[in-house]
Amino acid sequence: MPSTASSLRSWPTPGWRSVASRAPTIASTRSSDIWSGDRTGLAEAVRKIWVVTGLTLRYLLGTRRIIAMALLSAVPLILAVGLAAARVASFDVLQLFQAVMVPLFLQVVLIFVTLVNATSLIREEIDDNTLPFLLTRPISKPAIATYKYLGYLAAVLILLVPPLVVAYGVTEAYGGFSFATDLDVLGGFLLVTILGSAGYGGLFLFISVLVRKPLAVGLLIGFVWESIVGSIPGDVPKLSV
């Protein structure tokens, strides 16, 4: 006959576990809850970014002024096509591209397009009294400004990058070269366009929060200050965007 101790050891005990066997289960449950919470928080953050950025992008590209902005962005392209069609022999390919893009595209078109779009991000919502709607959402004010800035950056790059790339292609075709011949030049212009859009956008967005007429102040900074600051001796040119 088996002993009592051996009988107790062999007795099935469903629903009972030792402390050692329960500990891993509790730990794994907690880690699973934490991981699930992290995924939920990440999904919610992505959703907020998508909503605010998407609304900003549709707002900037959905108004009638987008037509004027698109035409202005296309002016260097139209000029490059005109010079190529006229077969201006005094320019080589790179001279033609740089002669059109540096003074006109980078110093005029880029500044004006970024100014108009960046100053409208916050100031127009303040004037139209639509900003409180966003502020009632569970999104912090810095997050709203950041997400709207991302929408602005996407909008201006949609306006500025295609004409730049097409103008480069036109000038390369005019010279009888392939598109890949001077990609380093195109890459440099694209980098300057992205950095200029980001820098001017941040500056003009900040101005639009501070003053009621940001467009006038932005015009003074973008076209007056930026044009004369380079000729001032000393460290003053460092204040240029």
Foldseek 3Di string as FASTA:
>chain_A
DDDPVVVVVPDDDPPDDDPVVVVVVVVVVVVVVVVVVVVVVVVVLVVVLCVLLVVLLCVLCVDPCVVVLLVLLQVLLVVLLVCLVVLPPVDALVRSLCVSCVCRPLQPSLLVLLLVSLLCLPLVCVVVVVVVVVVVDPDDPVRSVVSSLNSSLVNVCVRNVVSSLSSSCSSCVSNVHHSPPPVVVSVVSVVSSSVSSSVSSVVLNVQSVVDNCSSVVSCCCRNPVQVCQVVDDDCSVVPHD
